[in-house]
Amino acid sequence: MAACRQRAPGANVREVAARTQPASPGTGGHETPGPGAYPAREQSVAAGKAARQLVPLASHRDFAAAASRDPVGLLLGQAESRVPELVPVRHGRMLASPFAYYRGAALPMAADLAGTRSSGLRAQLCGDAHLLNFGAFASPERRLVFDLNDFDETLPGPFEWDVKRLVASMAVAGRDNGLSAKKRRGVAVATAAAGLQAMRAFSSRTAGPVFGHLLLGLVDLAAGVIALVWPGPTALVLVLIVGIWAITAGIVEIAAAFVKGEAAGTRALFIFAGLISVAFGVVLCARPGMGAIALALVFGLFNLIAGIWMIVQGIELRRTGKTMDSAVPEKQPA
């Protein structure tokens, strides 16, 4: 910890982690594989259990701040490597709330974590895995995924650091949003439990995402074959499903209108929307042939509007790209 606080100007989270040694050997006598080498699952399980014995879960709650702890000094030292004109802006934003400070205080937290116990199991960390560094984005496979989206501070380090920063960010954000201590604890526990369940699924060869993808694939294949072989009955079943869903949704909306505390205008809107939904569902179930035609027309109109909108957006993006290209001066020959 002292090495973290008596740091050279401009040090960052990577430098703190590089000087951090595990507080106890977490591999339980098992040799850690080198880059590109993967141990058998049984070896990983044994190493994890040994690490748990050496560093029990209860030990992770222990933290004693040293007398020389200086988070402000760490931030000021880090600012020396940043654009000077933007430093006051950054510090001003951090003053807005406890969570805003937490977002910008990855280095002080790393310095604190450097003095805590770790299992010795290291990974390539995000380095700043707080709540707002997660989001939705498109993968190279053209799939929408929800994951970490900020790797400015990525580094090799104890795997616990990312977990603790994420869980702590949930607790701080809950306090900012006025949640009670009991609810904040529930959010923190649920976050850690979700991470644990995900790791168990990733480590399994037969369960979790693998089994889920296989099952969904088989269901999709079966649905596709049925639709191609029996298109008429398939369309009828789909119309009935939509009709039943519309009736159910309408009843729920009507019931929601009578929840205590709703304003008169909101109550009337719920009742009107519910009645329309129920009527639509009844028509679909009573006249499925007409319902199939109506759904086809709605589907066609939606795709026409969506297609036109996408073409317009593509043209606008192309114009924006040309404008940006023309704004960039060409390189002058040396």
Foldseek 3Di string as FASTA:
>chain_A
DVDLLPDAFQDALQVLQVPFDAPDAQQQPDDDDDPPDDDDLVSVVVSNVSLCVVQPPVQQVDFDDDPSQDQPVNLVSNCVPDDVVCSVVLVVQLVPFVLSVLQVRLSSLSNRCSPGHASNDKDFDLSRQADVQWDWDADPVRDIDIGGDHRPPTHIHGPVSNLVNHLVNQLRVCVVVPHDPVVSVVSSVVSSVVVVVVVVLVSDPCDDPVVVVVVVVVVVVVLVVCCVVCVPVNLLVVLLVQLVVLLVQLVVLQVVLPPPPDDPVSSVVSNVSSVVSNVLSVCCNVCVVVSSVVVVVVVVVVVVVVVVVVVVVVVVVVVVVVVVVVPDDDDDDD
